[in-house]
Amino acid sequence: MSDIDDIKRRLFSVIPTSSLHMMEFLKLMDIRFVEEETKSAAVTCTSRPELLLNKAFVDAYCKTDEHLFMLVMHELYHIILGHTHLFKRHTDIDNIAFDAVINAILCRMFPGEEYVSFFTSINSDETFPGCILRPIGNKT
């Protein structure tokens, strides 16, 4: 099994079946591994969104299934909240605001350290925008 096949297998195993999240995940047209299009992950703003994953990012920051789950959930929430349909053209500041809201939602839904540590590990509390993309009050 290739590394990419292993990541895809992990993706299908971390999302709860019979959930809104799985229904949105299954609507994705494709999962593509990219190097240039995103530094981490993204969903395309098309009628059938694609999930774009930077394999180097996944390898570096999603060593646990919980971290991979949070990465994918973050991208799915862009779809669930309508960011891919309501906002065809958005600025970097818009995306930071969307990301902050999504991360706050996910940290409330999945408050365990094994989940929120994904956001604290990739976002510094010392700099913008990292300081608003991580749970409030966590210094780790």
C-alpha atoms as a PDB file:
ATOM      1  CA  MET A   1       0.000   0.000   0.000  1.00  0.00           C
ATOM      2  CA  SER A   2       1.405   3.408  -0.960  1.00  0.00           C
ATOM      3  CA  ASP A   3       1.662   6.334   1.463  1.00  0.00           C
ATOM      4  CA  ILE A   4      -1.198   8.091  -0.335  1.00  0.00           C
ATOM      5  CA  ASP A   5      -3.399   4.986  -0.160  1.00  0.00           C
ATOM      6  CA  ASP A   6      -2.646   4.772   3.560  1.00  0.00           C
ATOM      7  CA  ILE A   7      -3.702   8.405   4.088  1.00  0.00           C
ATOM      8  CA  LYS A   8      -6.924   7.795   2.144  1.00  0.00           C
ATOM      9  CA  ARG A   9      -7.623   4.701   4.249  1.00  0.00           C
ATOM     10  CA  ARG A  10      -7.052   6.765   7.398  1.00  0.00           C
ATOM     11  CA  LEU A  11      -9.396   9.472   6.101  1.00  0.00           C
ATOM     12  CA  PHE A  12     -12.252   7.024   5.723  1.00  0.00           C
ATOM     13  CA  SER A  13     -11.603   5.514   9.146  1.00  0.00           C
ATOM     14  CA  VAL A  14     -11.493   8.762  11.155  1.00  0.00           C
ATOM     15  CA  ILE A  15     -14.807  10.299  10.057  1.00  0.00           C
ATOM     16  CA  PRO A  16     -17.812   8.954  11.971  1.00  0.00           C
ATOM     17  CA  THR A  17     -20.201   7.025   9.765  1.00  0.00           C
ATOM     18  CA  SER A  18     -23.884   8.011   9.817  1.00  0.00           C
ATOM     19  CA  SER A  19     -22.972  11.615  10.481  1.00  0.00           C
ATOM     20  CA  LEU A  20     -23.380  14.939   8.731  1.00  0.00           C
ATOM     21  CA  HIS A  21     -19.617  14.990   8.433  1.00  0.00           C
ATOM     22  CA  MET A  22     -19.489  11.709   6.527  1.00  0.00           C
ATOM     23  CA  MET A  23     -22.321  12.837   4.258  1.00  0.00           C
ATOM     24  CA  GLU A  24     -20.352  15.979   3.371  1.00  0.00           C
ATOM     25  CA  PHE A  25     -17.143  13.984   2.990  1.00  0.00           C
ATOM     26  CA  LEU A  26     -18.821  11.628   0.548  1.00  0.00           C
ATOM     27  CA  LYS A  27     -19.982  14.602  -1.558  1.00  0.00           C
ATOM     28  CA  LEU A  28     -16.378  15.435  -2.361  1.00  0.00           C
ATOM     29  CA  MET A  29     -15.636  14.827  -6.001  1.00  0.00           C
ATOM     30  CA  ASP A  30     -12.087  13.728  -5.303  1.00  0.00           C
ATOM     31  CA  ILE A  31      -9.205  13.795  -2.872  1.00  0.00           C
ATOM     32  CA  ARG A  32      -6.101  15.143  -4.567  1.00  0.00           C
ATOM     33  CA  PHE A  33      -2.607  15.337  -3.190  1.00  0.00           C
ATOM     34  CA  VAL A  34      -0.910  18.564  -4.245  1.00  0.00           C
ATOM     35  CA  GLU A  35       2.343  20.381  -3.604  1.00  0.00           C
ATOM     36  CA  GLU A  36       1.817  23.849  -5.031  1.00  0.00           C
ATOM     37  CA  GLU A  37      -1.892  24.584  -4.643  1.00  0.00           C
ATOM     38  CA  THR A  38      -1.954  24.597  -0.831  1.00  0.00           C
ATOM     39  CA  LYS A  39       0.570  24.427   1.987  1.00  0.00           C
ATOM     40  CA  SER A  40      -1.765  22.305   4.119  1.00  0.00           C
ATOM     41  CA  ALA A  41      -5.284  21.486   2.914  1.00  0.00           C
ATOM     42  CA  ALA A  42      -8.126  23.147   1.061  1.00  0.00           C
ATOM     43  CA  VAL A  43     -11.443  22.516  -0.596  1.00  0.00           C
ATOM     44  CA  THR A  44     -12.163  23.849  -4.039  1.00  0.00           C
ATOM     45  CA  CYS A  45     -14.998  26.328  -4.628  1.00  0.00           C
ATOM     46  CA  THR A  46     -16.819  24.269  -7.242  1.00  0.00           C
ATOM     47  CA  SER A  47     -20.225  22.599  -7.423  1.00  0.00           C
ATOM     48  CA  ARG A  48     -18.507  19.292  -6.558  1.00  0.00           C
ATOM     49  CA  PRO A  49     -15.706  20.340  -4.208  1.00  0.00           C
ATOM     50  CA  GLU A  50     -12.420  18.491  -4.141  1.00  0.00           C
ATOM     51  CA  LEU A  51     -10.315  18.018  -1.041  1.00  0.00           C
ATOM     52  CA  LEU A  52      -6.735  19.093  -1.690  1.00  0.00           C
ATOM     53  CA  LEU A  53      -4.101  17.742   0.689  1.00  0.00           C
ATOM     54  CA  ASN A  54      -0.446  18.618   0.800  1.00  0.00           C
ATOM     55  CA  LYS A  55       1.147  15.267   1.598  1.00  0.00           C
ATOM     56  CA  ALA A  56       4.198  16.888   3.207  1.00  0.00           C
ATOM     57  CA  PHE A  57       1.889  18.746   5.626  1.00  0.00           C
ATOM     58  CA  VAL A  58      -0.105  15.600   6.413  1.00  0.00           C
ATOM     59  CA  ASP A  59       3.100  13.642   7.003  1.00  0.00           C
ATOM     60  CA  ALA A  60       4.506  16.348   9.296  1.00  0.00           C
ATOM     61  CA  TYR A  61       1.429  17.391  11.291  1.00  0.00           C
ATOM     62  CA  CYS A  62      -1.108  14.559  11.092  1.00  0.00           C
ATOM     63  CA  LYS A  63       0.802  11.692  12.625  1.00  0.00           C
ATOM     64  CA  THR A  64      -2.225  10.783  14.744  1.00  0.00           C
ATOM     65  CA  ASP A  65      -5.670   9.956  13.428  1.00  0.00           C
ATOM     66  CA  GLU A  66      -7.126  12.679  15.667  1.00  0.00           C
ATOM     67  CA  HIS A  67      -4.995  15.323  13.950  1.00  0.00           C
ATOM     68  CA  LEU A  68      -5.913  14.021  10.495  1.00  0.00           C
ATOM     69  CA  PHE A  69      -9.547  14.089  11.595  1.00  0.00           C
ATOM     70  CA  MET A  70      -9.309  17.741  12.668  1.00  0.00           C
ATOM     71  CA  LEU A  71      -7.626  18.728   9.402  1.00  0.00           C
ATOM     72  CA  VAL A  72     -10.342  17.081   7.314  1.00  0.00           C
ATOM     73  CA  MET A  73     -13.139  18.328   9.565  1.00  0.00           C
ATOM     74  CA  HIS A  74     -11.778  21.861   9.218  1.00  0.00           C
ATOM     75  CA  GLU A  75     -12.019  21.624   5.441  1.00  0.00           C
ATOM     76  CA  LEU A  76     -15.455  19.977   5.549  1.00  0.00           C
ATOM     77  CA  TYR A  77     -16.735  22.839   7.694  1.00  0.00           C
ATOM     78  CA  HIS A  78     -15.853  25.267   4.905  1.00  0.00           C
ATOM     79  CA  ILE A  79     -18.388  23.296   2.836  1.00  0.00           C
ATOM     80  CA  ILE A  80     -20.934  22.838   5.655  1.00  0.00           C
ATOM     81  CA  LEU A  81     -20.905  26.579   6.468  1.00  0.00           C
ATOM     82  CA  GLY A  82     -21.250  27.509   2.803  1.00  0.00           C
ATOM     83  CA  HIS A  83     -17.854  29.154   2.342  1.00  0.00           C
ATOM     84  CA  THR A  84     -17.309  27.310  -0.932  1.00  0.00           C
ATOM     85  CA  HIS A  85     -20.633  28.427  -2.418  1.00  0.00           C
ATOM     86  CA  LEU A  86     -21.483  31.749  -0.800  1.00  0.00           C
ATOM     87  CA  PHE A  87     -18.056  33.287  -1.200  1.00  0.00           C
ATOM     88  CA  LYS A  88     -16.602  32.483  -4.624  1.00  0.00           C
ATOM     89  CA  ARG A  89     -13.932  35.148  -4.194  1.00  0.00           C
ATOM     90  CA  HIS A  90     -12.644  35.858  -0.765  1.00  0.00           C
ATOM     91  CA  THR A  91      -9.582  37.588   0.595  1.00  0.00           C
ATOM     92  CA  ASP A  92      -6.897  36.206   2.869  1.00  0.00           C
ATOM     93  CA  ILE A  93      -8.529  38.108   5.751  1.00  0.00           C
ATOM     94  CA  ASP A  94     -11.891  36.487   4.957  1.00  0.00           C
ATOM     95  CA  ASN A  95     -10.230  33.073   5.045  1.00  0.00           C
ATOM     96  CA  ILE A  96      -8.548  33.814   8.387  1.00  0.00           C
ATOM     97  CA  ALA A  97     -11.959  34.780   9.821  1.00  0.00           C
ATOM     98  CA  PHE A  98     -13.562  31.623   8.402  1.00  0.00           C
ATOM     99  CA  ASP A  99     -10.702  29.518   9.790  1.00  0.00           C
ATOM    100  CA  ALA A 100     -10.961  31.081  13.259  1.00  0.00           C
ATOM    101  CA  VAL A 101     -14.703  30.368  13.441  1.00  0.00           C
ATOM    102  CA  ILE A 102     -14.272  26.798  12.194  1.00  0.00           C
ATOM    103  CA  ASN A 103     -11.417  26.056  14.598  1.00  0.00           C
ATOM    104  CA  ALA A 104     -13.473  27.424  17.521  1.00  0.00           C
ATOM    105  CA  ILE A 105     -16.430  25.217  16.529  1.00  0.00           C
ATOM    106  CA  LEU A 106     -14.230  22.129  16.240  1.00  0.00           C
ATOM    107  CA  CYS A 107     -12.450  22.759  19.551  1.00  0.00           C
ATOM    108  CA  ARG A 108     -15.835  23.000  21.299  1.00  0.00           C
ATOM    109  CA  MET A 109     -17.116  19.864  19.570  1.00  0.00           C
ATOM    110  CA  PHE A 110     -13.923  17.878  20.210  1.00  0.00           C
ATOM    111  CA  PRO A 111     -12.337  19.402  23.348  1.00  0.00           C
ATOM    112  CA  GLY A 112      -9.984  16.539  24.123  1.00  0.00           C
ATOM    113  CA  GLU A 113      -6.287  17.361  24.072  1.00  0.00           C
ATOM    114  CA  GLU A 114      -5.711  14.694  21.410  1.00  0.00           C
ATOM    115  CA  TYR A 115      -7.873  16.835  19.080  1.00  0.00           C
ATOM    116  CA  VAL A 116      -7.182  20.469  20.037  1.00  0.00           C
ATOM    117  CA  SER A 117      -3.439  19.810  20.104  1.00  0.00           C
ATOM    118  CA  PHE A 118      -3.617  19.823  16.305  1.00  0.00           C
ATOM    119  CA  PHE A 119      -4.431  23.553  16.338  1.00  0.00           C
ATOM    120  CA  THR A 120      -2.009  24.396  19.141  1.00  0.00           C
ATOM    121  CA  SER A 121       0.822  22.563  17.390  1.00  0.00           C
ATOM    122  CA  ILE A 122       0.469  24.429  14.095  1.00  0.00           C
ATOM    123  CA  ASN A 123      -0.551  27.886  15.358  1.00  0.00           C
ATOM    124  CA  SER A 124       1.640  30.052  17.575  1.00  0.00           C
ATOM    125  CA  ASP A 125      -0.056  32.072  20.295  1.00  0.00           C
ATOM    126  CA  GLU A 126       2.662  34.719  19.822  1.00  0.00           C
ATOM    127  CA  THR A 127       1.840  35.837  16.276  1.00  0.00           C
ATOM    128  CA  PHE A 128      -1.106  36.743  14.081  1.00  0.00           C
ATOM    129  CA  PRO A 129      -3.032  34.919  12.722  1.00  0.00           C
ATOM    130  CA  GLY A 130      -1.963  31.871  14.735  1.00  0.00           C
ATOM    131  CA  CYS A 131      -3.119  33.448  17.968  1.00  0.00           C
ATOM    132  CA  ILE A 132      -6.756  33.450  16.776  1.00  0.00           C
ATOM    133  CA  LEU A 133      -6.599  30.046  15.094  1.00  0.00           C
ATOM    134  CA  ARG A 134      -6.014  28.074  18.296  1.00  0.00           C
ATOM    135  CA  PRO A 135      -8.047  27.474  21.449  1.00  0.00           C
ATOM    136  CA  ILE A 136      -8.123  30.390  23.877  1.00  0.00           C
ATOM    137  CA  GLY A 137      -6.060  29.894  27.000  1.00  0.00           C
ATOM    138  CA  ASN A 138      -3.867  27.037  25.767  1.00  0.00           C
ATOM    139  CA  LYS A 139      -0.182  27.853  25.993  1.00  0.00           C
ATOM    140  CA  THR A 140       1.083  24.501  24.701  1.00  0.00           C
END
